[in-house]
Amino acid sequence: MSENLAAGDLIDEATGVFVAHRELLFGLVYNMLGSVADTEDVLQETWLSWTSRGGGGAPLDGIAHPRAYLVRIAVNHAVQRRAAISRRRETYVGPWLPEPLVADSGADGGDAALRTESVSLAMLVVLESLTPLERAVFVLHEVFGYPHTEIAKIIDRTPAAVRQLAHRARAHVHARRPLYEAHPRVRREATERFVRAALGGDIGALMEILAPDVTVWTDGGGNRRGAGLRPVHGRDKAVRLVTAHAARRGAQNLDLHYRRVNGDDAVVLFSGDEPYAVMVMDLTPDGDRVSGVYIVSNPEKLTHVRKEEA
């Protein structure tokens, strides 16, 4: 009896350590995968790997740095999960966008900040073109500040190999993604201007706010009428797409809630109590025009969005 109790206490202690680091692990894995559902699956696998150490009796034995050990388990599970995600992408209908992280209105600081520390939706799209290891190194180093020597231990590579992976990933990302980040107030104002023009069918205002080379991505996953099968490039085509979609859906029947999505100001649209779409705008370097519009309307990617939180 006492032995069983002791084993149970050890498992409870290991579980407590895992829970204390769960938000960090969520942030790391989500930035590697861009999917909340897959992130939750990886965290479950990580927890099982963690608590099964020592045959279920003493998971913490021999672990001097639990945080580093948990990060290593989670990152390697996430690298393996990328293969399954890539296979799903091959049969996905239309453009694929990451599953948006809509901030809880009650979240402020603390562990919750680790989720909002995720990179922007636009950056996640760029990261999709990296190899799994390049993406792991980029997220660990550029987003969470891990040194190359520590990353080498996490992914079981030499420091020289990690530096090479980091160089390739950084060069690729910087070539496709400007380093400029708009001031939150500027982003909020641009977002509101775009939404008013789009849902109001104001073609003149849309032509003014959209950059000439704007691109619109609409991810409906084959589950929403009107979602494009490929990204739309150019202001004229973008205006036609946005105004036609708003007119067809009936903008007056949608409730707008301005929220932070993946750390940026954005808008969540609701039809009744159900989430209809998340819209995120990317701005030009001078911040006065919209260079990219990301619309996630696939219901399967909005299951974590609640009206009382938006």
C-alpha atoms as a PDB file:
ATOM      1  CA  MET A   1       0.000   0.000   0.000  1.00  0.00           C
ATOM      2  CA  SER A   2       2.732   2.453   1.017  1.00  0.00           C
ATOM      3  CA  GLU A   3       4.696   1.622  -2.146  1.00  0.00           C
ATOM      4  CA  ASN A   4       1.632   2.339  -4.283  1.00  0.00           C
ATOM      5  CA  LEU A   5       1.092   5.641  -2.491  1.00  0.00           C
ATOM      6  CA  ALA A   6       4.718   6.586  -2.962  1.00  0.00           C
ATOM      7  CA  ALA A   7       4.505   5.818  -6.682  1.00  0.00           C
ATOM      8  CA  GLY A   8       1.336   7.870  -6.930  1.00  0.00           C
ATOM      9  CA  ASP A   9       3.004  10.798  -5.193  1.00  0.00           C
ATOM     10  CA  LEU A  10       5.889  10.628  -7.679  1.00  0.00           C
ATOM     11  CA  ILE A  11       3.483  10.658 -10.627  1.00  0.00           C
ATOM     12  CA  ASP A  12       1.608  13.601  -9.099  1.00  0.00           C
ATOM     13  CA  GLU A  13       4.896  15.470  -8.707  1.00  0.00           C
ATOM     14  CA  ALA A  14       5.824  14.779 -12.332  1.00  0.00           C
ATOM     15  CA  THR A  15       2.392  15.907 -13.480  1.00  0.00           C
ATOM     16  CA  GLY A  16       2.757  19.111 -11.495  1.00  0.00           C
ATOM     17  CA  VAL A  17       6.075  19.839 -13.201  1.00  0.00           C
ATOM     18  CA  PHE A  18       4.471  19.268 -16.593  1.00  0.00           C
ATOM     19  CA  VAL A  19       1.519  21.553 -15.810  1.00  0.00           C
ATOM     20  CA  ALA A  20       3.908  24.295 -14.653  1.00  0.00           C
ATOM     21  CA  HIS A  21       5.573  24.266 -18.086  1.00  0.00           C
ATOM     22  CA  ARG A  22       2.523  23.555 -20.229  1.00  0.00           C
ATOM     23  CA  GLU A  23       2.051  27.089 -21.558  1.00  0.00           C
ATOM     24  CA  LEU A  24       5.691  27.299 -22.613  1.00  0.00           C
ATOM     25  CA  LEU A  25       5.362  23.954 -24.398  1.00  0.00           C
ATOM     26  CA  PHE A  26       2.125  25.074 -26.051  1.00  0.00           C
ATOM     27  CA  GLY A  27       3.799  28.209 -27.410  1.00  0.00           C
ATOM     28  CA  LEU A  28       6.776  26.297 -28.762  1.00  0.00           C
ATOM     29  CA  VAL A  29       4.750  23.546 -30.408  1.00  0.00           C
ATOM     30  CA  TYR A  30       2.030  25.805 -31.816  1.00  0.00           C
ATOM     31  CA  ASN A  31       4.621  28.003 -33.522  1.00  0.00           C
ATOM     32  CA  MET A  32       6.123  24.867 -35.057  1.00  0.00           C
ATOM     33  CA  LEU A  33       2.789  23.446 -36.249  1.00  0.00           C
ATOM     34  CA  GLY A  34       0.296  26.304 -36.689  1.00  0.00           C
ATOM     35  CA  SER A  35      -2.517  24.075 -35.453  1.00  0.00           C
ATOM     36  CA  VAL A  36      -4.155  24.132 -32.021  1.00  0.00           C
ATOM     37  CA  ALA A  37      -5.543  20.598 -32.409  1.00  0.00           C
ATOM     38  CA  ASP A  38      -2.163  19.153 -33.392  1.00  0.00           C
ATOM     39  CA  THR A  39      -0.486  21.110 -30.606  1.00  0.00           C
ATOM     40  CA  GLU A  40      -2.842  19.609 -28.039  1.00  0.00           C
ATOM     41  CA  ASP A  41      -2.119  16.125 -29.433  1.00  0.00           C
ATOM     42  CA  VAL A  42       1.633  16.715 -29.169  1.00  0.00           C
ATOM     43  CA  LEU A  43       1.273  17.951 -25.580  1.00  0.00           C
ATOM     44  CA  GLN A  44      -0.656  14.783 -24.753  1.00  0.00           C
ATOM     45  CA  GLU A  45       2.123  12.678 -26.288  1.00  0.00           C
ATOM     46  CA  THR A  46       4.677  14.717 -24.347  1.00  0.00           C
ATOM     47  CA  TRP A  47       2.827  14.166 -21.091  1.00  0.00           C
ATOM     48  CA  LEU A  48       2.619  10.411 -21.716  1.00  0.00           C
ATOM     49  CA  SER A  49       6.336  10.225 -22.548  1.00  0.00           C
ATOM     50  CA  TRP A  50       7.141  12.281 -19.464  1.00  0.00           C
ATOM     51  CA  THR A  51       5.036  10.370 -16.920  1.00  0.00           C
ATOM     52  CA  SER A  52       5.990   6.926 -18.286  1.00  0.00           C
ATOM     53  CA  ARG A  53       9.680   7.438 -17.494  1.00  0.00           C
ATOM     54  CA  GLY A  54      11.029   4.931 -15.012  1.00  0.00           C
ATOM     55  CA  GLY A  55       8.265   2.440 -15.735  1.00  0.00           C
ATOM     56  CA  GLY A  56       5.634   4.666 -14.176  1.00  0.00           C
ATOM     57  CA  GLY A  57       7.343   4.763 -10.798  1.00  0.00           C
ATOM     58  CA  ALA A  58       9.827   7.634 -10.714  1.00  0.00           C
ATOM     59  CA  PRO A  59       9.580   9.936 -13.775  1.00  0.00           C
ATOM     60  CA  LEU A  60      11.832  12.607 -12.254  1.00  0.00           C
ATOM     61  CA  ASP A  61      14.736  10.298 -11.400  1.00  0.00           C
ATOM     62  CA  GLY A  62      17.910  11.411 -13.143  1.00  0.00           C
ATOM     63  CA  ILE A  63      16.353  14.635 -14.514  1.00  0.00           C
ATOM     64  CA  ALA A  64      18.410  17.601 -13.366  1.00  0.00           C
ATOM     65  CA  HIS A  65      16.597  20.143 -15.560  1.00  0.00           C
ATOM     66  CA  PRO A  66      12.933  19.172 -16.077  1.00  0.00           C
ATOM     67  CA  ARG A  67      12.150  22.224 -18.238  1.00  0.00           C
ATOM     68  CA  ALA A  68      14.915  21.410 -20.730  1.00  0.00           C
ATOM     69  CA  TYR A  69      13.887  17.757 -20.799  1.00  0.00           C
ATOM     70  CA  LEU A  70      10.227  18.580 -21.448  1.00  0.00           C
ATOM     71  CA  VAL A  71      11.126  21.033 -24.217  1.00  0.00           C
ATOM     72  CA  ARG A  72      13.244  18.341 -25.889  1.00  0.00           C
ATOM     73  CA  ILE A  73      10.397  15.800 -25.759  1.00  0.00           C
ATOM     74  CA  ALA A  74       7.818  18.282 -27.066  1.00  0.00           C
ATOM     75  CA  VAL A  75       9.982  19.663 -29.881  1.00  0.00           C
ATOM     76  CA  ASN A  76      10.889  16.214 -31.165  1.00  0.00           C
ATOM     77  CA  HIS A  77       7.270  15.048 -31.049  1.00  0.00           C
ATOM     78  CA  ALA A  78       6.345  18.220 -32.980  1.00  0.00           C
ATOM     79  CA  VAL A  79       9.011  17.579 -35.637  1.00  0.00           C
ATOM     80  CA  GLN A  80       7.550  14.102 -36.155  1.00  0.00           C
ATOM     81  CA  ARG A  81       3.991  15.502 -36.288  1.00  0.00           C
ATOM     82  CA  ARG A  82       4.958  17.771 -39.226  1.00  0.00           C
ATOM     83  CA  ALA A  83       4.928  14.711 -41.523  1.00  0.00           C
ATOM     84  CA  ALA A  84       1.259  14.016 -40.762  1.00  0.00           C
ATOM     85  CA  ILE A  85       0.369  17.685 -41.259  1.00  0.00           C
ATOM     86  CA  SER A  86       2.157  17.739 -44.620  1.00  0.00           C
ATOM     87  CA  ARG A  87       0.159  14.717 -45.784  1.00  0.00           C
ATOM     88  CA  ARG A  88      -3.112  16.435 -44.846  1.00  0.00           C
ATOM     89  CA  ARG A  89      -2.049  19.568 -46.699  1.00  0.00           C
ATOM     90  CA  GLU A  90      -1.748  17.559 -49.947  1.00  0.00           C
ATOM     91  CA  THR A  91      -5.527  16.977 -50.038  1.00  0.00           C
ATOM     92  CA  TYR A  92      -6.637  20.246 -48.424  1.00  0.00           C
ATOM     93  CA  VAL A  93      -9.201  22.246 -50.419  1.00  0.00           C
ATOM     94  CA  GLY A  94      -8.029  25.778 -51.208  1.00  0.00           C
ATOM     95  CA  PRO A  95      -5.334  27.843 -49.477  1.00  0.00           C
ATOM     96  CA  TRP A  96      -4.179  26.582 -46.093  1.00  0.00           C
ATOM     97  CA  LEU A  97      -3.798  29.097 -43.249  1.00  0.00           C
ATOM     98  CA  PRO A  98      -2.737  28.457 -39.649  1.00  0.00           C
ATOM     99  CA  GLU A  99      -5.393  27.944 -37.012  1.00  0.00           C
ATOM    100  CA  PRO A 100      -5.761  31.406 -35.415  1.00  0.00           C
ATOM    101  CA  LEU A 101      -5.105  31.994 -31.731  1.00  0.00           C
ATOM    102  CA  VAL A 102      -7.790  34.397 -30.535  1.00  0.00           C
ATOM    103  CA  ALA A 103      -6.745  35.943 -27.219  1.00  0.00           C
ATOM    104  CA  ASP A 104      -9.053  35.521 -24.253  1.00  0.00           C
ATOM    105  CA  SER A 105     -10.344  38.923 -23.197  1.00  0.00           C
ATOM    106  CA  GLY A 106      -9.364  38.100 -19.615  1.00  0.00           C
ATOM    107  CA  ALA A 107      -5.768  37.164 -20.416  1.00  0.00           C
ATOM    108  CA  ASP A 108      -3.156  39.605 -19.197  1.00  0.00           C
ATOM    109  CA  GLY A 109       0.462  38.704 -18.612  1.00  0.00           C
ATOM    110  CA  GLY A 110       1.671  35.597 -16.812  1.00  0.00           C
ATOM    111  CA  ASP A 111       1.595  32.231 -18.485  1.00  0.00           C
ATOM    112  CA  ALA A 112      -1.116  33.333 -20.929  1.00  0.00           C
ATOM    113  CA  ALA A 113       1.419  35.689 -22.521  1.00  0.00           C
ATOM    114  CA  LEU A 114       3.333  32.684 -23.810  1.00  0.00           C
ATOM    115  CA  ARG A 115       0.483  31.903 -26.194  1.00  0.00           C
ATOM    116  CA  THR A 116       0.247  35.458 -27.479  1.00  0.00           C
ATOM    117  CA  GLU A 117       4.029  35.431 -27.913  1.00  0.00           C
ATOM    118  CA  SER A 118       3.338  33.327 -30.967  1.00  0.00           C
ATOM    119  CA  VAL A 119       4.458  34.874 -34.224  1.00  0.00           C
ATOM    120  CA  SER A 120       1.918  36.607 -36.438  1.00  0.00           C
ATOM    121  CA  LEU A 121      -0.392  34.731 -38.762  1.00  0.00           C
ATOM    122  CA  ALA A 122       1.527  36.159 -41.723  1.00  0.00           C
ATOM    123  CA  MET A 123       4.820  34.915 -40.292  1.00  0.00           C
ATOM    124  CA  LEU A 124       3.364  31.464 -39.667  1.00  0.00           C
ATOM    125  CA  VAL A 125       2.470  31.304 -43.367  1.00  0.00           C
ATOM    126  CA  VAL A 126       6.117  32.023 -44.223  1.00  0.00           C
ATOM    127  CA  LEU A 127       7.341  29.422 -41.731  1.00  0.00           C
ATOM    128  CA  GLU A 128       5.272  26.773 -43.516  1.00  0.00           C
ATOM    129  CA  SER A 129       7.866  26.761 -46.317  1.00  0.00           C
ATOM    130  CA  LEU A 130      10.713  25.773 -43.971  1.00  0.00           C
ATOM    131  CA  THR A 131      11.765  22.196 -43.309  1.00  0.00           C
ATOM    132  CA  PRO A 132      10.654  20.800 -39.918  1.00  0.00           C
ATOM    133  CA  LEU A 133      14.147  21.168 -38.435  1.00  0.00           C
ATOM    134  CA  GLU A 134      14.641  24.668 -39.868  1.00  0.00           C
ATOM    135  CA  ARG A 135      11.339  25.718 -38.366  1.00  0.00           C
ATOM    136  CA  ALA A 136      12.187  24.168 -34.993  1.00  0.00           C
ATOM    137  CA  VAL A 137      15.513  26.023 -34.891  1.00  0.00           C
ATOM    138  CA  PHE A 138      13.925  29.311 -36.010  1.00  0.00           C
ATOM    139  CA  VAL A 139      11.180  29.138 -33.380  1.00  0.00           C
ATOM    140  CA  LEU A 140      13.537  28.121 -30.584  1.00  0.00           C
ATOM    141  CA  HIS A 141      16.155  30.754 -31.406  1.00  0.00           C
ATOM    142  CA  GLU A 142      14.291  33.714 -32.938  1.00  0.00           C
ATOM    143  CA  VAL A 143      11.039  33.519 -30.965  1.00  0.00           C
ATOM    144  CA  PHE A 144      12.066  32.009 -27.620  1.00  0.00           C
ATOM    145  CA  GLY A 145      15.717  33.033 -27.474  1.00  0.00           C
ATOM    146  CA  TYR A 146      17.353  29.616 -27.065  1.00  0.00           C
ATOM    147  CA  PRO A 147      21.114  29.659 -27.847  1.00  0.00           C
ATOM    148  CA  HIS A 148      22.392  27.413 -30.633  1.00  0.00           C
ATOM    149  CA  THR A 149      24.301  25.206 -28.206  1.00  0.00           C
ATOM    150  CA  GLU A 150      21.123  24.430 -26.267  1.00  0.00           C
ATOM    151  CA  ILE A 151      19.114  23.853 -29.445  1.00  0.00           C
ATOM    152  CA  ALA A 152      21.757  21.338 -30.535  1.00  0.00           C
ATOM    153  CA  LYS A 153      20.992  19.249 -27.443  1.00  0.00           C
ATOM    154  CA  ILE A 154      17.244  19.524 -28.006  1.00  0.00           C
ATOM    155  CA  ILE A 155      17.240  18.273 -31.616  1.00  0.00           C
ATOM    156  CA  ASP A 156      20.329  16.068 -31.287  1.00  0.00           C
ATOM    157  CA  ARG A 157      22.481  17.897 -33.819  1.00  0.00           C
ATOM    158  CA  THR A 158      25.906  19.522 -33.584  1.00  0.00           C
ATOM    159  CA  PRO A 159      26.093  23.261 -32.839  1.00  0.00           C
ATOM    160  CA  ALA A 160      27.596  23.780 -36.312  1.00  0.00           C
ATOM    161  CA  ALA A 161      24.627  22.015 -37.924  1.00  0.00           C
ATOM    162  CA  VAL A 162      22.216  24.122 -35.877  1.00  0.00           C
ATOM    163  CA  ARG A 163      23.927  27.345 -36.933  1.00  0.00           C
ATOM    164  CA  GLN A 164      23.624  26.265 -40.560  1.00  0.00           C
ATOM    165  CA  LEU A 165      19.927  25.475 -40.121  1.00  0.00           C
ATOM    166  CA  ALA A 166      19.413  28.829 -38.399  1.00  0.00           C
ATOM    167  CA  HIS A 167      21.198  30.707 -41.180  1.00  0.00           C
ATOM    168  CA  ARG A 168      19.087  29.083 -43.904  1.00  0.00           C
ATOM    169  CA  ALA A 169      15.842  29.633 -42.020  1.00  0.00           C
ATOM    170  CA  ARG A 170      16.607  33.264 -41.176  1.00  0.00           C
ATOM    171  CA  ALA A 171      17.664  34.094 -44.738  1.00  0.00           C
ATOM    172  CA  HIS A 172      14.516  32.499 -46.146  1.00  0.00           C
ATOM    173  CA  VAL A 173      12.211  34.249 -43.686  1.00  0.00           C
ATOM    174  CA  HIS A 174      13.807  37.677 -44.039  1.00  0.00           C
ATOM    175  CA  ALA A 175      13.607  37.428 -47.835  1.00  0.00           C
ATOM    176  CA  ARG A 176       9.859  36.910 -47.679  1.00  0.00           C
ATOM    177  CA  ARG A 177       8.892  38.798 -44.541  1.00  0.00           C
ATOM    178  CA  PRO A 178       9.886  42.440 -43.804  1.00  0.00           C
ATOM    179  CA  LEU A 179      11.278  43.095 -40.351  1.00  0.00           C
ATOM    180  CA  TYR A 180       8.934  46.088 -39.962  1.00  0.00           C
ATOM    181  CA  GLU A 181       6.137  45.730 -37.422  1.00  0.00           C
ATOM    182  CA  ALA A 182       3.370  48.317 -37.423  1.00  0.00           C
ATOM    183  CA  HIS A 183       2.544  50.193 -34.245  1.00  0.00           C
ATOM    184  CA  PRO A 184      -0.532  48.598 -32.578  1.00  0.00           C
ATOM    185  CA  ARG A 185      -2.539  51.822 -32.935  1.00  0.00           C
ATOM    186  CA  VAL A 186      -1.731  52.035 -36.659  1.00  0.00           C
ATOM    187  CA  ARG A 187      -2.652  48.385 -37.149  1.00  0.00           C
ATOM    188  CA  ARG A 188      -5.928  48.799 -35.275  1.00  0.00           C
ATOM    189  CA  GLU A 189      -6.901  51.855 -37.320  1.00  0.00           C
ATOM    190  CA  ALA A 190      -6.051  50.139 -40.617  1.00  0.00           C
ATOM    191  CA  THR A 191      -7.970  47.038 -39.572  1.00  0.00           C
ATOM    192  CA  GLU A 192     -11.065  49.064 -38.705  1.00  0.00           C
ATOM    193  CA  ARG A 193     -10.876  51.039 -41.969  1.00  0.00           C
ATOM    194  CA  PHE A 194     -10.617  47.861 -44.009  1.00  0.00           C
ATOM    195  CA  VAL A 195     -13.453  46.098 -42.202  1.00  0.00           C
ATOM    196  CA  ARG A 196     -15.808  49.092 -42.536  1.00  0.00           C
ATOM    197  CA  ALA A 197     -15.084  49.352 -46.254  1.00  0.00           C
ATOM    198  CA  ALA A 198     -15.269  45.602 -46.903  1.00  0.00           C
ATOM    199  CA  LEU A 199     -18.497  44.905 -45.042  1.00  0.00           C
ATOM    200  CA  GLY A 200     -20.044  48.143 -46.257  1.00  0.00           C
ATOM    201  CA  GLY A 201     -19.221  47.398 -49.893  1.00  0.00           C
ATOM    202  CA  ASP A 202     -17.392  50.732 -50.209  1.00  0.00           C
ATOM    203  CA  ILE A 203     -15.289  50.118 -53.333  1.00  0.00           C
ATOM    204  CA  GLY A 204     -13.673  53.562 -53.240  1.00  0.00           C
ATOM    205  CA  ALA A 205     -12.531  53.156 -49.636  1.00  0.00           C
ATOM    206  CA  LEU A 206     -11.215  49.660 -50.390  1.00  0.00           C
ATOM    207  CA  MET A 207      -9.194  50.924 -53.352  1.00  0.00           C
ATOM    208  CA  GLU A 208      -7.681  53.523 -51.041  1.00  0.00           C
ATOM    209  CA  ILE A 209      -6.747  51.200 -48.157  1.00  0.00           C
ATOM    210  CA  LEU A 210      -5.508  48.220 -50.222  1.00  0.00           C
ATOM    211  CA  ALA A 211      -1.973  48.218 -51.626  1.00  0.00           C
ATOM    212  CA  PRO A 212      -1.733  47.673 -55.418  1.00  0.00           C
ATOM    213  CA  ASP A 213      -0.036  44.292 -54.932  1.00  0.00           C
ATOM    214  CA  VAL A 214      -2.273  43.108 -52.083  1.00  0.00           C
ATOM    215  CA  THR A 215      -2.915  39.380 -51.697  1.00  0.00           C
ATOM    216  CA  VAL A 216      -6.032  37.854 -50.132  1.00  0.00           C
ATOM    217  CA  TRP A 217      -5.987  34.332 -48.695  1.00  0.00           C
ATOM    218  CA  THR A 218      -9.356  32.736 -47.858  1.00  0.00           C
ATOM    219  CA  ASP A 219      -9.164  29.437 -46.000  1.00  0.00           C
ATOM    220  CA  GLY A 220     -12.556  27.740 -45.978  1.00  0.00           C
ATOM    221  CA  GLY A 221     -11.226  24.193 -46.229  1.00  0.00           C
ATOM    222  CA  GLY A 222     -14.012  23.358 -48.680  1.00  0.00           C
ATOM    223  CA  ASN A 223     -16.568  24.049 -45.924  1.00  0.00           C
ATOM    224  CA  ARG A 224     -17.542  27.648 -46.790  1.00  0.00           C
ATOM    225  CA  ARG A 225     -19.202  28.936 -49.937  1.00  0.00           C
ATOM    226  CA  GLY A 226     -17.294  31.705 -51.631  1.00  0.00           C
ATOM    227  CA  ALA A 227     -13.882  30.823 -50.178  1.00  0.00           C
ATOM    228  CA  GLY A 228     -11.365  30.963 -53.019  1.00  0.00           C
ATOM    229  CA  LEU A 229      -9.448  27.917 -54.186  1.00  0.00           C
ATOM    230  CA  ARG A 230      -6.252  29.947 -54.481  1.00  0.00           C
ATOM    231  CA  PRO A 231      -4.902  33.265 -53.201  1.00  0.00           C
ATOM    232  CA  VAL A 232      -6.074  36.365 -55.075  1.00  0.00           C
ATOM    233  CA  HIS A 233      -3.368  38.848 -56.093  1.00  0.00           C
ATOM    234  CA  GLY A 234      -3.828  42.508 -57.033  1.00  0.00           C
ATOM    235  CA  ARG A 235      -6.089  45.277 -55.767  1.00  0.00           C
ATOM    236  CA  ASP A 236      -8.817  45.039 -58.436  1.00  0.00           C
ATOM    237  CA  LYS A 237      -9.318  41.290 -57.975  1.00  0.00           C
ATOM    238  CA  ALA A 238      -9.152  41.652 -54.196  1.00  0.00           C
ATOM    239  CA  VAL A 239     -11.860  44.321 -54.181  1.00  0.00           C
ATOM    240  CA  ARG A 240     -14.158  42.181 -56.332  1.00  0.00           C
ATOM    241  CA  LEU A 241     -13.615  39.156 -54.098  1.00  0.00           C
ATOM    242  CA  VAL A 242     -14.160  40.984 -50.820  1.00  0.00           C
ATOM    243  CA  THR A 243     -17.246  42.960 -51.888  1.00  0.00           C
ATOM    244  CA  ALA A 244     -18.878  39.958 -53.570  1.00  0.00           C
ATOM    245  CA  HIS A 245     -18.306  37.797 -50.516  1.00  0.00           C
ATOM    246  CA  ALA A 246     -19.715  40.444 -48.149  1.00  0.00           C
ATOM    247  CA  ALA A 247     -22.790  40.966 -50.332  1.00  0.00           C
ATOM    248  CA  ARG A 248     -23.451  37.237 -50.692  1.00  0.00           C
ATOM    249  CA  ARG A 249     -23.165  36.535 -46.964  1.00  0.00           C
ATOM    250  CA  GLY A 250     -25.117  39.578 -45.799  1.00  0.00           C
ATOM    251  CA  ALA A 251     -22.733  41.672 -43.749  1.00  0.00           C
ATOM    252  CA  GLN A 252     -25.556  43.155 -41.701  1.00  0.00           C
ATOM    253  CA  ASN A 253     -26.143  39.722 -40.148  1.00  0.00           C
ATOM    254  CA  LEU A 254     -22.583  39.425 -38.821  1.00  0.00           C
ATOM    255  CA  ASP A 255     -21.398  40.600 -35.412  1.00  0.00           C
ATOM    256  CA  LEU A 256     -17.916  42.149 -35.328  1.00  0.00           C
ATOM    257  CA  HIS A 257     -15.571  41.770 -32.378  1.00  0.00           C
ATOM    258  CA  TYR A 258     -12.106  43.327 -32.480  1.00  0.00           C
ATOM    259  CA  ARG A 259      -9.639  40.988 -30.803  1.00  0.00           C
ATOM    260  CA  ARG A 260      -5.946  40.205 -30.775  1.00  0.00           C
ATOM    261  CA  VAL A 261      -5.191  37.233 -33.002  1.00  0.00           C
ATOM    262  CA  ASN A 262      -1.698  35.744 -32.814  1.00  0.00           C
ATOM    263  CA  GLY A 263      -0.610  38.916 -31.067  1.00  0.00           C
ATOM    264  CA  ASP A 264      -2.002  41.342 -33.673  1.00  0.00           C
ATOM    265  CA  ASP A 265      -5.179  43.409 -33.754  1.00  0.00           C
ATOM    266  CA  ALA A 266      -7.745  41.643 -35.935  1.00  0.00           C
ATOM    267  CA  VAL A 267     -11.468  41.063 -36.211  1.00  0.00           C
ATOM    268  CA  VAL A 268     -13.616  38.026 -35.442  1.00  0.00           C
ATOM    269  CA  LEU A 269     -16.970  37.734 -37.240  1.00  0.00           C
ATOM    270  CA  PHE A 270     -19.866  35.854 -35.678  1.00  0.00           C
ATOM    271  CA  SER A 271     -23.089  34.593 -37.222  1.00  0.00           C
ATOM    272  CA  GLY A 272     -25.337  34.356 -34.192  1.00  0.00           C
ATOM    273  CA  ASP A 273     -23.313  32.612 -31.513  1.00  0.00           C
ATOM    274  CA  GLU A 274     -21.118  30.719 -33.976  1.00  0.00           C
ATOM    275  CA  PRO A 275     -17.758  32.024 -35.237  1.00  0.00           C
ATOM    276  CA  TYR A 276     -17.958  32.724 -38.960  1.00  0.00           C
ATOM    277  CA  ALA A 277     -14.469  33.974 -39.776  1.00  0.00           C
ATOM    278  CA  VAL A 278     -11.285  35.482 -38.416  1.00  0.00           C
ATOM    279  CA  MET A 279      -9.747  38.287 -40.489  1.00  0.00           C
ATOM    280  CA  VAL A 280      -6.155  39.436 -40.035  1.00  0.00           C
ATOM    281  CA  MET A 281      -4.580  42.267 -42.008  1.00  0.00           C
ATOM    282  CA  ASP A 282      -0.902  42.682 -42.876  1.00  0.00           C
ATOM    283  CA  LEU A 283       0.362  46.218 -43.553  1.00  0.00           C
ATOM    284  CA  THR A 284       2.884  47.794 -45.920  1.00  0.00           C
ATOM    285  CA  PRO A 285       6.131  49.060 -44.321  1.00  0.00           C
ATOM    286  CA  ASP A 286       4.800  52.607 -44.099  1.00  0.00           C
ATOM    287  CA  GLY A 287       1.713  51.271 -42.337  1.00  0.00           C
ATOM    288  CA  ASP A 288      -0.878  53.157 -44.373  1.00  0.00           C
ATOM    289  CA  ARG A 289      -2.132  50.335 -46.627  1.00  0.00           C
ATOM    290  CA  VAL A 290      -3.096  46.684 -46.352  1.00  0.00           C
ATOM    291  CA  SER A 291      -0.683  44.390 -48.175  1.00  0.00           C
ATOM    292  CA  GLY A 292      -2.210  41.079 -47.131  1.00  0.00           C
ATOM    293  CA  VAL A 293      -5.602  39.837 -45.936  1.00  0.00           C
ATOM    294  CA  TYR A 294      -5.899  36.468 -44.204  1.00  0.00           C
ATOM    295  CA  ILE A 295      -9.437  35.134 -43.788  1.00  0.00           C
ATOM    296  CA  VAL A 296      -9.899  31.880 -41.877  1.00  0.00           C
ATOM    297  CA  SER A 297     -13.483  30.659 -42.190  1.00  0.00           C
ATOM    298  CA  ASN A 298     -13.042  26.880 -42.042  1.00  0.00           C
ATOM    299  CA  PRO A 299     -15.289  25.899 -39.085  1.00  0.00           C
ATOM    300  CA  GLU A 300     -12.824  23.167 -38.111  1.00  0.00           C
ATOM    301  CA  LYS A 301     -10.220  25.863 -37.396  1.00  0.00           C
ATOM    302  CA  LEU A 302     -12.594  28.013 -35.344  1.00  0.00           C
ATOM    303  CA  THR A 303     -13.705  25.462 -32.758  1.00  0.00           C
ATOM    304  CA  HIS A 304     -11.670  27.195 -30.023  1.00  0.00           C
ATOM    305  CA  VAL A 305     -13.251  30.606 -30.686  1.00  0.00           C
ATOM    306  CA  ARG A 306     -16.044  31.519 -28.286  1.00  0.00           C
ATOM    307  CA  LYS A 307     -18.290  34.563 -28.539  1.00  0.00           C
ATOM    308  CA  GLU A 308     -17.908  35.467 -24.887  1.00  0.00           C
ATOM    309  CA  GLU A 309     -14.135  35.576 -25.455  1.00  0.00           C
ATOM    310  CA  ALA A 310     -14.275  37.698 -28.611  1.00  0.00           C
END
